[in-house]
N, C-alpha and C. Protein backbone atom coordinates (compact mmCIF):
# COMPACT_ATOMS: atom_id res chain seq x y z
N UNK A 1 -40.44 39.41 19.51
CA UNK A 1 -40.94 37.92 20.07
C UNK A 1 -41.09 37.93 21.33
N UNK A 2 -42.18 37.90 22.24
CA UNK A 2 -42.26 37.57 23.59
C UNK A 2 -41.87 36.26 24.26
N UNK A 3 -40.97 36.41 25.22
CA UNK A 3 -40.21 35.13 25.62
C UNK A 3 -41.13 33.75 25.86
N UNK A 4 -42.31 33.81 25.83
CA UNK A 4 -43.44 32.58 26.12
C UNK A 4 -43.43 31.90 24.61
N UNK A 5 -43.29 32.68 23.77
CA UNK A 5 -42.95 32.11 22.24
C UNK A 5 -41.59 31.58 22.25
N UNK A 6 -40.62 31.57 22.76
CA UNK A 6 -39.75 30.49 22.92
C UNK A 6 -39.93 29.51 23.82
N UNK A 7 -40.55 29.42 24.52
CA UNK A 7 -40.69 28.47 25.28
C UNK A 7 -42.15 27.74 25.00
N UNK A 8 -42.09 26.35 24.30
CA UNK A 8 -42.88 25.79 23.75
C UNK A 8 -44.24 25.51 24.72
N UNK A 9 -43.82 24.82 25.92
CA UNK A 9 -44.54 24.73 27.24
C UNK A 9 -45.50 25.76 27.53
N UNK A 10 -44.93 26.89 27.83
CA UNK A 10 -45.65 28.11 28.20
C UNK A 10 -46.36 28.70 27.07
N UNK A 11 -46.04 28.34 25.91
CA UNK A 11 -46.93 28.82 24.81
C UNK A 11 -48.04 27.74 24.47
N UNK A 12 -47.75 26.66 24.86
CA UNK A 12 -48.98 25.53 24.49
C UNK A 12 -50.16 25.68 26.31
N UNK A 13 -49.32 26.24 27.07
CA UNK A 13 -50.51 26.60 28.58
C UNK A 13 -51.08 27.69 28.34
N UNK A 14 -50.84 28.64 27.57
CA UNK A 14 -51.21 30.07 27.40
C UNK A 14 -52.05 29.93 26.48
N UNK A 15 -52.23 28.92 25.51
CA UNK A 15 -53.23 28.67 24.21
C UNK A 15 -54.19 28.08 24.55
N UNK A 16 -53.90 27.00 25.82
CA UNK A 16 -55.14 26.00 26.66
C UNK A 16 -55.72 27.16 27.80
N UNK A 17 -55.11 27.86 28.11
CA UNK A 17 -55.70 29.01 29.10
C UNK A 17 -56.45 30.09 28.07
N UNK A 18 -56.52 30.44 26.94
CA UNK A 18 -57.02 31.40 25.85
C UNK A 18 -58.45 30.60 25.67
N UNK A 19 -58.13 28.99 25.43
CA UNK A 19 -59.36 28.05 24.95
C UNK A 19 -60.46 28.21 26.35
N UNK A 20 -59.87 27.71 27.31
CA UNK A 20 -60.72 27.74 28.47
C UNK A 20 -61.34 29.38 28.61
N UNK A 21 -60.57 30.16 28.62
CA UNK A 21 -61.37 31.52 28.62
C UNK A 21 -62.66 31.49 27.97
N UNK A 22 -62.07 31.44 26.44
CA UNK A 22 -63.10 32.00 25.54
C UNK A 22 -64.28 31.45 25.62
N UNK A 23 -64.10 30.01 26.09
CA UNK A 23 -65.23 28.80 26.17
C UNK A 23 -66.00 28.63 27.57
N UNK A 24 -65.54 29.67 28.57
CA UNK A 24 -65.89 29.46 29.95
C UNK A 24 -67.54 29.76 29.92
N UNK A 25 -68.35 30.79 29.47
CA UNK A 25 -69.21 31.00 29.42
C UNK A 25 -70.09 30.36 28.68
N UNK A 26 -70.28 29.63 27.62
CA UNK A 26 -70.62 28.75 26.69
C UNK A 26 -70.74 27.12 26.89
N UNK A 27 -69.60 26.84 27.62
CA UNK A 27 -69.22 25.36 27.98
C UNK A 27 -68.96 24.63 27.21
N UNK A 28 -68.76 25.14 25.96
CA UNK A 28 -68.28 24.27 24.91
C UNK A 28 -66.85 23.36 24.94
N UNK A 29 -65.95 23.72 25.41
CA UNK A 29 -64.88 23.19 25.64
C UNK A 29 -65.17 21.66 26.04
N UNK A 30 -64.37 20.76 25.51
CA UNK A 30 -64.49 19.49 25.98
C UNK A 30 -63.30 19.59 27.20
N UNK A 31 -63.71 19.63 28.30
CA UNK A 31 -62.95 19.59 29.32
C UNK A 31 -62.07 18.39 29.67
N UNK A 32 -62.62 17.00 28.98
CA UNK A 32 -61.67 15.92 29.14
C UNK A 32 -60.47 15.93 28.22
N UNK A 33 -60.66 16.58 27.14
CA UNK A 33 -59.62 16.92 26.10
C UNK A 33 -58.45 17.84 26.48
N UNK A 34 -59.15 18.89 27.21
CA UNK A 34 -58.63 20.10 27.83
C UNK A 34 -57.66 19.67 29.23
N UNK A 35 -58.18 18.75 30.02
CA UNK A 35 -57.25 18.07 30.87
C UNK A 35 -56.44 17.16 30.42
N UNK A 36 -56.56 16.37 29.11
CA UNK A 36 -55.31 15.59 28.89
C UNK A 36 -54.37 16.34 28.29
N UNK A 37 -54.49 17.72 27.50
CA UNK A 37 -53.83 18.72 26.81
C UNK A 37 -52.93 19.10 28.03
N UNK A 38 -53.76 19.33 29.27
CA UNK A 38 -53.05 19.91 30.23
C UNK A 38 -52.06 19.08 30.61
N UNK A 39 -52.56 17.90 30.92
CA UNK A 39 -51.36 16.86 31.76
C UNK A 39 -50.10 16.74 30.71
N UNK A 40 -50.38 16.44 29.69
CA UNK A 40 -48.85 16.84 28.44
C UNK A 40 -48.18 18.03 28.93
N UNK A 41 -48.97 19.19 29.34
CA UNK A 41 -48.03 20.28 29.21
C UNK A 41 -47.30 20.42 30.72
N UNK A 42 -48.14 19.87 31.78
CA UNK A 42 -47.50 19.67 32.92
C UNK A 42 -46.17 18.76 33.19
N UNK A 43 -46.38 17.60 32.23
CA UNK A 43 -45.62 16.44 31.87
C UNK A 43 -44.23 17.46 31.43
N UNK A 44 -44.51 17.86 30.31
CA UNK A 44 -42.93 18.32 29.51
C UNK A 44 -42.81 19.62 30.22
N UNK A 45 -43.54 20.23 31.34
CA UNK A 45 -42.78 20.98 32.35
C UNK A 45 -42.21 20.59 33.65
N UNK A 46 -42.19 18.85 33.62
CA UNK A 46 -41.72 18.46 34.95
C UNK A 46 -42.35 18.90 36.25
N UNK A 47 -43.90 19.00 36.20
CA UNK A 47 -44.80 19.69 37.14
C UNK A 47 -45.42 18.37 37.73
N UNK A 48 -44.67 17.50 38.81
CA UNK A 48 -45.24 16.37 38.82
C UNK A 48 -46.36 16.63 39.84
N UNK A 49 -46.81 17.35 40.74
CA UNK A 49 -47.95 17.60 41.15
C UNK A 49 -49.35 17.94 40.63
N UNK A 50 -49.08 18.63 39.29
CA UNK A 50 -50.38 19.08 38.35
C UNK A 50 -50.62 18.07 37.53
N UNK A 51 -49.30 17.15 37.43
CA UNK A 51 -49.63 15.78 36.41
C UNK A 51 -50.22 14.69 37.27
N UNK A 52 -50.09 14.94 38.43
CA UNK A 52 -50.64 13.76 39.45
C UNK A 52 -52.23 14.09 39.68
N UNK A 53 -52.83 15.35 39.89
CA UNK A 53 -53.99 16.03 39.94
C UNK A 53 -54.73 15.68 38.77
N UNK A 54 -54.32 15.89 37.74
CA UNK A 54 -54.86 15.65 36.50
C UNK A 54 -55.32 14.19 36.38
N UNK A 55 -54.09 13.31 36.65
CA UNK A 55 -54.65 11.91 36.72
C UNK A 55 -55.58 11.55 37.54
N UNK A 56 -55.73 12.14 38.67
CA UNK A 56 -56.67 11.66 39.53
C UNK A 56 -57.96 12.25 38.96
N UNK A 57 -57.91 13.36 38.44
CA UNK A 57 -59.25 14.28 38.06
C UNK A 57 -59.77 13.17 36.95
N UNK A 58 -58.99 12.60 36.11
CA UNK A 58 -59.21 11.91 34.77
C UNK A 58 -59.93 10.34 35.09
N UNK A 59 -59.01 9.81 36.26
CA UNK A 59 -59.46 8.52 36.56
C UNK A 59 -60.14 8.32 37.66
N UNK A 60 -60.43 9.41 38.38
CA UNK A 60 -61.28 9.65 39.63
C UNK A 60 -60.37 9.28 41.04
N UNK A 61 -60.86 9.60 42.27
CA UNK A 61 -60.25 9.45 43.40
C UNK A 61 -60.48 8.75 44.23
N UNK A 62 -61.44 7.82 43.59
CA UNK A 62 -61.98 6.33 44.10
C UNK A 62 -62.11 6.57 45.97
N UNK A 63 -61.45 5.67 46.46
CA UNK A 63 -61.64 5.58 48.03
C UNK A 63 -60.44 6.55 48.79
N UNK A 64 -59.42 7.13 48.12
CA UNK A 64 -57.95 7.82 48.51
C UNK A 64 -58.85 8.90 49.52
N UNK A 65 -59.81 9.52 49.24
CA UNK A 65 -60.01 10.80 50.15
C UNK A 65 -60.60 10.22 51.26
N UNK A 66 -61.25 9.04 51.39
CA UNK A 66 -61.94 8.49 52.56
C UNK A 66 -60.37 7.90 53.62
N UNK A 67 -59.37 7.60 53.16
CA UNK A 67 -58.37 7.36 53.71
C UNK A 67 -57.12 8.35 54.09
N UNK A 68 -57.17 9.28 53.51
CA UNK A 68 -56.13 10.28 53.97
C UNK A 68 -56.55 11.78 53.29
N UNK A 69 -55.96 12.71 53.98
CA UNK A 69 -56.48 14.29 54.05
C UNK A 69 -56.16 14.75 52.17
N UNK A 70 -56.92 15.23 51.62
CA UNK A 70 -56.86 15.51 50.34
C UNK A 70 -55.62 16.23 49.94
N UNK A 71 -54.40 17.19 50.72
CA UNK A 71 -53.40 17.42 50.48
C UNK A 71 -52.20 16.44 50.29
N UNK A 72 -52.49 15.08 50.93
CA UNK A 72 -51.86 14.02 51.07
C UNK A 72 -51.82 13.47 49.96
N UNK A 73 -53.41 13.24 49.32
CA UNK A 73 -53.51 12.35 48.30
C UNK A 73 -52.85 13.36 46.90
N UNK A 74 -53.04 14.26 47.07
CA UNK A 74 -52.63 15.16 46.15
C UNK A 74 -50.98 15.42 45.64
N UNK A 75 -50.41 15.07 47.03
CA UNK A 75 -49.10 14.66 47.29
C UNK A 75 -48.35 16.52 47.58
N UNK A 76 -49.31 17.32 48.18
CA UNK A 76 -48.63 18.91 48.32
C UNK A 76 -48.87 19.09 49.86
N UNK A 77 -48.36 20.24 49.91
CA UNK A 77 -48.45 21.11 51.37
C UNK A 77 -50.25 21.36 51.77
N UNK A 78 -50.47 21.29 52.90
CA UNK A 78 -51.99 21.66 53.37
C UNK A 78 -52.43 22.87 52.89
N UNK A 79 -51.28 24.02 52.77
CA UNK A 79 -51.75 25.13 52.40
C UNK A 79 -51.83 25.59 50.79
N UNK A 80 -51.39 24.61 49.96
CA UNK A 80 -51.53 24.76 48.60
C UNK A 80 -52.51 25.07 48.08
N UNK A 81 -52.68 26.39 47.23
CA UNK A 81 -54.01 26.95 46.81
C UNK A 81 -54.61 25.53 46.00
N UNK A 82 -53.90 24.62 45.38
CA UNK A 82 -54.48 23.63 44.52
C UNK A 82 -55.25 22.54 45.34
N UNK A 83 -54.89 22.59 46.61
CA UNK A 83 -55.96 21.75 47.56
C UNK A 83 -57.30 22.64 47.95
N UNK A 84 -57.06 23.86 47.77
CA UNK A 84 -58.30 24.93 48.01
C UNK A 84 -59.12 24.82 46.86
N UNK A 85 -58.91 24.83 45.49
CA UNK A 85 -59.14 24.85 44.33
C UNK A 85 -60.02 23.41 44.42
N UNK A 86 -59.60 22.10 44.57
CA UNK A 86 -59.84 20.98 44.37
C UNK A 86 -61.13 20.53 45.48
N UNK A 87 -61.04 21.24 46.64
CA UNK A 87 -62.05 20.97 47.68
C UNK A 87 -63.11 21.91 47.41
N UNK A 88 -62.92 23.08 46.75
CA UNK A 88 -64.16 24.07 46.05
C UNK A 88 -64.94 23.47 45.32
N UNK A 89 -64.53 22.58 44.27
CA UNK A 89 -65.34 22.20 43.19
C UNK A 89 -65.85 20.69 43.32
N UNK A 90 -65.11 19.74 44.36
CA UNK A 90 -65.45 18.69 44.56
C UNK A 90 -66.06 18.25 45.70
N UNK A 91 -66.02 19.12 46.81
CA UNK A 91 -66.85 18.88 47.99
C UNK A 91 -68.20 19.74 47.89
N UNK A 92 -69.12 19.13 47.94
CA UNK A 92 -70.36 20.00 47.51
C UNK A 92 -71.37 19.07 48.60
N UNK A 93 -72.35 20.42 49.14
CA UNK A 93 -73.19 20.11 50.22
C UNK A 93 -74.46 19.53 49.57
N UNK A 94 -74.80 18.69 50.57
CA UNK A 94 -76.00 17.85 50.46
C UNK A 94 -76.95 17.88 51.56
N UNK A 95 -77.80 17.03 51.43
CA UNK A 95 -79.17 16.56 52.68
C UNK A 95 -79.13 15.25 52.68
N UNK A 96 -78.51 14.63 54.05
CA UNK A 96 -78.76 13.31 54.10
C UNK A 96 -80.21 13.05 53.86
N UNK A 97 -80.47 11.64 52.95
CA UNK A 97 -81.65 11.22 52.94
C UNK A 97 -82.28 10.21 53.69
N UNK A 98 -81.36 9.77 54.61
CA UNK A 98 -81.87 8.68 55.79
C UNK A 98 -83.16 9.01 56.78
N UNK A 99 -83.96 8.07 56.90
CA UNK A 99 -85.33 8.05 57.59
C UNK A 99 -84.90 8.95 58.88
N UNK A 100 -84.02 8.54 59.40
CA UNK A 100 -83.39 9.49 61.07
C UNK A 100 -82.61 10.58 60.77
N UNK A 101 -82.10 10.86 59.62
CA UNK A 101 -81.10 11.95 59.38
C UNK A 101 -81.83 13.35 59.92
N UNK A 102 -83.12 13.45 59.51
CA UNK A 102 -83.72 15.11 59.87
C UNK A 102 -83.56 15.74 59.10
N UNK A 103 -82.92 15.67 57.80
CA UNK A 103 -82.51 16.65 56.74
C UNK A 103 -81.02 17.10 57.14
N UNK A 104 -80.27 16.12 57.69
CA UNK A 104 -78.91 16.66 58.55
C UNK A 104 -78.10 17.18 56.82
N UNK A 105 -77.35 18.29 57.23
CA UNK A 105 -76.22 18.66 55.91
C UNK A 105 -74.97 17.92 56.05
N UNK A 106 -74.58 17.70 54.99
CA UNK A 106 -73.16 17.47 55.17
C UNK A 106 -72.41 17.63 53.79
N UNK A 107 -71.22 17.65 54.12
CA UNK A 107 -70.32 17.73 52.72
C UNK A 107 -69.86 16.40 51.90
N UNK A 108 -70.04 16.14 50.57
CA UNK A 108 -69.70 15.31 49.96
C UNK A 108 -68.95 15.22 48.94
N UNK A 109 -67.58 14.94 49.44
CA UNK A 109 -66.22 14.85 47.94
C UNK A 109 -66.88 13.89 46.75
N UNK A 110 -67.21 14.16 45.81
CA UNK A 110 -67.24 13.55 44.90
C UNK A 110 -66.13 12.92 44.08
N UNK A 111 -65.94 11.65 44.08
CA UNK A 111 -64.66 10.81 43.60
C UNK A 111 -64.40 10.56 42.24
N UNK A 112 -65.64 10.55 41.53
CA UNK A 112 -65.99 10.07 39.92
C UNK A 112 -64.89 10.79 39.09
N UNK A 113 -64.59 9.87 37.83
CA UNK A 113 -63.64 10.60 37.40
C UNK A 113 -64.69 11.38 36.44
N UNK A 114 -63.48 12.59 36.14
CA UNK A 114 -64.46 13.65 35.02
C UNK A 114 -65.26 13.11 34.00
N UNK A 115 -65.00 12.21 33.14
CA UNK A 115 -65.67 11.85 32.37
C UNK A 115 -67.17 11.48 32.84
N UNK A 116 -67.04 10.80 33.95
CA UNK A 116 -68.29 10.23 34.40
C UNK A 116 -69.13 11.92 34.71
N UNK A 117 -68.60 12.44 35.62
CA UNK A 117 -68.84 13.87 36.34
C UNK A 117 -69.50 14.79 34.79
N UNK A 118 -68.93 14.52 33.80
CA UNK A 118 -69.40 15.51 32.54
C UNK A 118 -70.75 14.54 32.25
N UNK A 119 -70.51 13.52 32.11
CA UNK A 119 -71.87 12.37 31.68
C UNK A 119 -72.99 13.09 32.18
N UNK A 120 -72.92 12.83 33.71
CA UNK A 120 -74.15 13.20 34.42
C UNK A 120 -74.61 14.68 34.56
N UNK A 121 -73.52 15.99 34.53
CA UNK A 121 -73.98 17.15 33.84
C UNK A 121 -74.83 16.88 32.79
N UNK A 122 -74.31 16.44 31.56
CA UNK A 122 -75.32 16.14 30.31
C UNK A 122 -76.76 15.78 30.34
N UNK A 123 -76.53 14.57 31.46
CA UNK A 123 -77.95 14.07 31.46
C UNK A 123 -79.28 14.90 32.06
N UNK A 124 -78.36 15.44 33.25
CA UNK A 124 -79.23 16.42 34.29
C UNK A 124 -79.65 17.63 33.26
N UNK A 125 -78.80 18.28 32.46
CA UNK A 125 -79.31 19.11 31.33
C UNK A 125 -80.01 18.75 30.29
N UNK A 126 -80.02 17.76 29.81
CA UNK A 126 -81.10 16.97 28.72
C UNK A 126 -82.32 16.87 29.84
N UNK A 127 -82.25 16.49 31.16
CA UNK A 127 -83.77 15.90 31.72
C UNK A 127 -84.83 17.33 31.73
N UNK A 128 -85.79 17.00 32.19
CA UNK A 128 -86.55 18.28 32.49
C UNK A 128 -86.74 18.24 34.05
N UNK A 129 -87.30 19.24 34.60
CA UNK A 129 -88.17 19.63 35.79
C UNK A 129 -86.77 20.31 36.52
N UNK A 130 -86.76 20.42 37.93
CA UNK A 130 -86.26 21.74 38.52
C UNK A 130 -86.03 21.03 40.01
N UNK A 131 -86.44 20.04 40.28
CA UNK A 131 -86.21 19.15 41.38
C UNK A 131 -84.84 18.79 41.76
N UNK A 132 -84.41 18.85 43.39
CA UNK A 132 -83.16 18.86 43.47
C UNK A 132 -82.75 17.28 43.23
N UNK A 133 -81.52 16.80 43.04
CA UNK A 133 -81.15 15.62 42.40
C UNK A 133 -80.82 14.72 43.85
N UNK A 134 -81.31 13.49 43.84
CA UNK A 134 -81.13 12.62 45.08
C UNK A 134 -80.44 11.48 44.60
N UNK A 135 -78.90 11.26 45.10
CA UNK A 135 -78.01 10.70 44.63
C UNK A 135 -77.54 9.52 45.50
N UNK A 136 -77.43 8.55 45.60
CA UNK A 136 -77.11 7.26 46.16
C UNK A 136 -75.21 6.91 46.08
N UNK A 137 -75.10 6.58 47.09
CA UNK A 137 -73.37 6.25 47.05
C UNK A 137 -73.26 4.99 47.58
N UNK A 138 -72.06 4.32 47.47
CA UNK A 138 -71.77 2.90 47.76
C UNK A 138 -71.68 2.94 49.14
N UNK A 139 -72.13 1.94 49.48
CA UNK A 139 -72.14 1.17 51.00
C UNK A 139 -70.60 0.84 51.37
N UNK A 140 -69.61 1.08 50.50
CA UNK A 140 -68.32 0.62 50.63
C UNK A 140 -67.36 1.84 51.34
N UNK A 141 -67.76 3.02 51.43
CA UNK A 141 -67.00 4.08 52.18
C UNK A 141 -66.13 3.34 53.56
N UNK A 142 -65.23 4.10 53.44
CA UNK A 142 -64.26 3.82 55.05
C UNK A 142 -64.84 4.34 55.91
N UNK A 143 -65.64 5.40 55.78
CA UNK A 143 -65.90 6.27 56.92
C UNK A 143 -67.39 5.71 57.37
N UNK A 144 -67.13 5.34 58.83
CA UNK A 144 -68.30 4.75 59.56
C UNK A 144 -69.57 5.99 59.36
N UNK A 145 -70.90 5.57 59.26
CA UNK A 145 -71.98 6.57 59.39
C UNK A 145 -72.14 7.23 58.19
N UNK A 146 -71.47 7.28 57.28
CA UNK A 146 -71.53 8.24 55.95
C UNK A 146 -72.48 8.08 55.16
N UNK A 147 -73.33 8.62 54.89
CA UNK A 147 -74.98 8.99 54.37
C UNK A 147 -74.86 7.77 52.88
N UNK A 148 -75.83 7.06 52.86
CA UNK A 148 -75.63 6.42 51.63
C UNK A 148 -76.73 7.08 50.33
N UNK A 149 -77.37 7.79 50.92
CA UNK A 149 -78.28 8.68 49.99
C UNK A 149 -78.18 10.05 50.46
N UNK A 150 -78.42 11.33 49.16
CA UNK A 150 -78.81 12.56 49.72
C UNK A 150 -79.17 13.46 48.51
N UNK A 151 -79.44 14.62 49.18
CA UNK A 151 -80.18 15.34 47.89
C UNK A 151 -79.37 16.50 47.80
N UNK A 152 -78.91 16.92 46.59
CA UNK A 152 -78.25 17.96 46.35
C UNK A 152 -78.53 18.78 44.96
N UNK A 153 -78.44 20.27 45.12
CA UNK A 153 -78.90 20.98 44.21
C UNK A 153 -78.86 20.36 42.74
N UNK A 154 -79.92 20.93 41.97
CA UNK A 154 -79.88 20.48 40.38
C UNK A 154 -78.82 20.62 39.45
N UNK A 155 -77.94 21.73 40.33
CA UNK A 155 -76.76 22.24 39.36
C UNK A 155 -75.46 21.69 39.84
N UNK A 156 -75.44 20.74 40.69
CA UNK A 156 -74.23 20.21 41.47
C UNK A 156 -73.21 19.93 40.22
N UNK A 157 -73.80 19.01 39.35
CA UNK A 157 -72.75 18.50 38.31
C UNK A 157 -72.06 19.80 37.41
N UNK A 158 -72.65 20.67 37.43
CA UNK A 158 -72.55 22.32 36.65
C UNK A 158 -71.53 22.60 37.54
N UNK A 159 -71.88 22.79 38.59
CA UNK A 159 -70.50 23.56 39.81
C UNK A 159 -69.37 22.55 39.77
N UNK A 160 -69.47 21.40 39.79
CA UNK A 160 -68.38 20.49 39.86
C UNK A 160 -67.19 20.50 38.54
N UNK A 161 -68.28 20.47 37.57
CA UNK A 161 -67.39 20.67 35.92
C UNK A 161 -66.61 22.17 35.98
N UNK A 162 -67.54 22.87 35.96
CA UNK A 162 -66.97 24.27 35.94
C UNK A 162 -66.06 24.69 36.85
N UNK A 163 -66.13 24.59 38.17
CA UNK A 163 -65.04 24.46 39.17
C UNK A 163 -63.78 23.97 38.46
N UNK A 164 -63.77 22.90 38.30
CA UNK A 164 -62.79 22.10 37.41
C UNK A 164 -62.26 22.90 36.18
N UNK A 165 -63.03 23.64 35.59
CA UNK A 165 -62.87 24.27 34.37
C UNK A 165 -61.71 25.29 34.87
N UNK A 166 -62.30 26.35 35.82
CA UNK A 166 -61.91 27.46 36.57
C UNK A 166 -60.65 27.00 37.37
N UNK A 167 -60.67 26.01 37.97
CA UNK A 167 -59.05 25.56 38.60
C UNK A 167 -57.87 25.15 37.57
N UNK A 168 -58.71 24.31 36.29
CA UNK A 168 -57.36 24.13 35.17
C UNK A 168 -57.13 25.25 34.61
N UNK A 169 -57.66 26.43 34.46
CA UNK A 169 -57.22 27.46 34.20
C UNK A 169 -56.20 28.58 34.60
N UNK A 170 -56.44 28.16 35.96
CA UNK A 170 -55.70 28.78 36.99
C UNK A 170 -54.19 28.18 37.78
N UNK A 171 -54.43 26.71 37.47
CA UNK A 171 -53.32 25.72 37.43
C UNK A 171 -52.22 26.32 36.30
N UNK A 172 -52.85 26.29 35.09
CA UNK A 172 -52.14 26.62 33.71
C UNK A 172 -51.09 27.90 33.97
N UNK A 173 -51.68 28.78 34.59
CA UNK A 173 -51.34 29.77 34.70
C UNK A 173 -49.96 30.11 35.69
N UNK A 174 -49.85 28.83 36.55
CA UNK A 174 -48.78 28.86 37.43
C UNK A 174 -47.62 28.58 36.73
N UNK A 175 -47.17 28.23 35.64
CA UNK A 175 -46.39 27.52 34.73
C UNK A 175 -45.64 29.40 34.32
N UNK A 176 -44.24 29.61 34.77
CA UNK A 176 -43.67 30.54 34.23
C UNK A 176 -44.15 31.10 32.35
N UNK A 177 -44.47 32.09 31.91
CA UNK A 177 -44.68 32.47 30.54
C UNK A 177 -46.05 32.22 30.30
N UNK A 178 -47.03 31.43 31.13
CA UNK A 178 -48.58 31.07 30.62
C UNK A 178 -49.28 31.88 31.04
N UNK A 179 -49.14 32.98 31.82
CA UNK A 179 -50.40 33.63 32.67
C UNK A 179 -50.50 34.70 31.19
N UNK A 180 -49.49 35.00 30.22
CA UNK A 180 -50.29 36.12 29.45
C UNK A 180 -49.29 37.33 29.28
N UNK A 181 -48.69 37.29 30.47
CA UNK A 181 -47.83 38.32 31.09
C UNK A 181 -46.33 38.36 30.59
N UNK A 182 -45.73 38.88 29.85
CA UNK A 182 -44.35 38.51 29.04
C UNK A 182 -43.59 38.50 30.49
N UNK A 183 -42.46 37.47 30.49
CA UNK A 183 -41.99 37.08 31.60
C UNK A 183 -40.31 37.79 31.36
N UNK A 184 -39.93 38.68 32.12
CA UNK A 184 -38.55 39.27 32.01
C UNK A 184 -37.32 38.87 32.38
């Protein structure tokens, strides 16, 4: 029996990674259920950083990223890989739609809870057409001059939710014995 079989946390993380890997292409995995399961795995492993990250993913980042840098919101070092992972899927390029913006490109950090992002992804999948998405943002942002409307590629929600799934897979692999490689 391999060492991860003796460690229930590593075994659960490995099983969840296998599920994510098997369903990555089809997108059939319930990412909310996977996030909740992973949060429990990280809780059992006493990994407070990843528990906090998954709490933010499930509940949303709200205005936290307007007020502080992402690494501070996550409670980790600036150079931690998790910061790069979250920024890679939550921060998406858009084009400002304000009359005087002149098509100015900018990066928007999507703060919505994972269930809302998945719902938006599903609505876009079910809709017809191929035009870019035009989204509006609340005017309550703490950043002066922040755009209130922008255009994004039609697959923006696919990229966010797919990126989350990939990051979850990678983060589960940080637990000893969860990578599928026997621990000696």
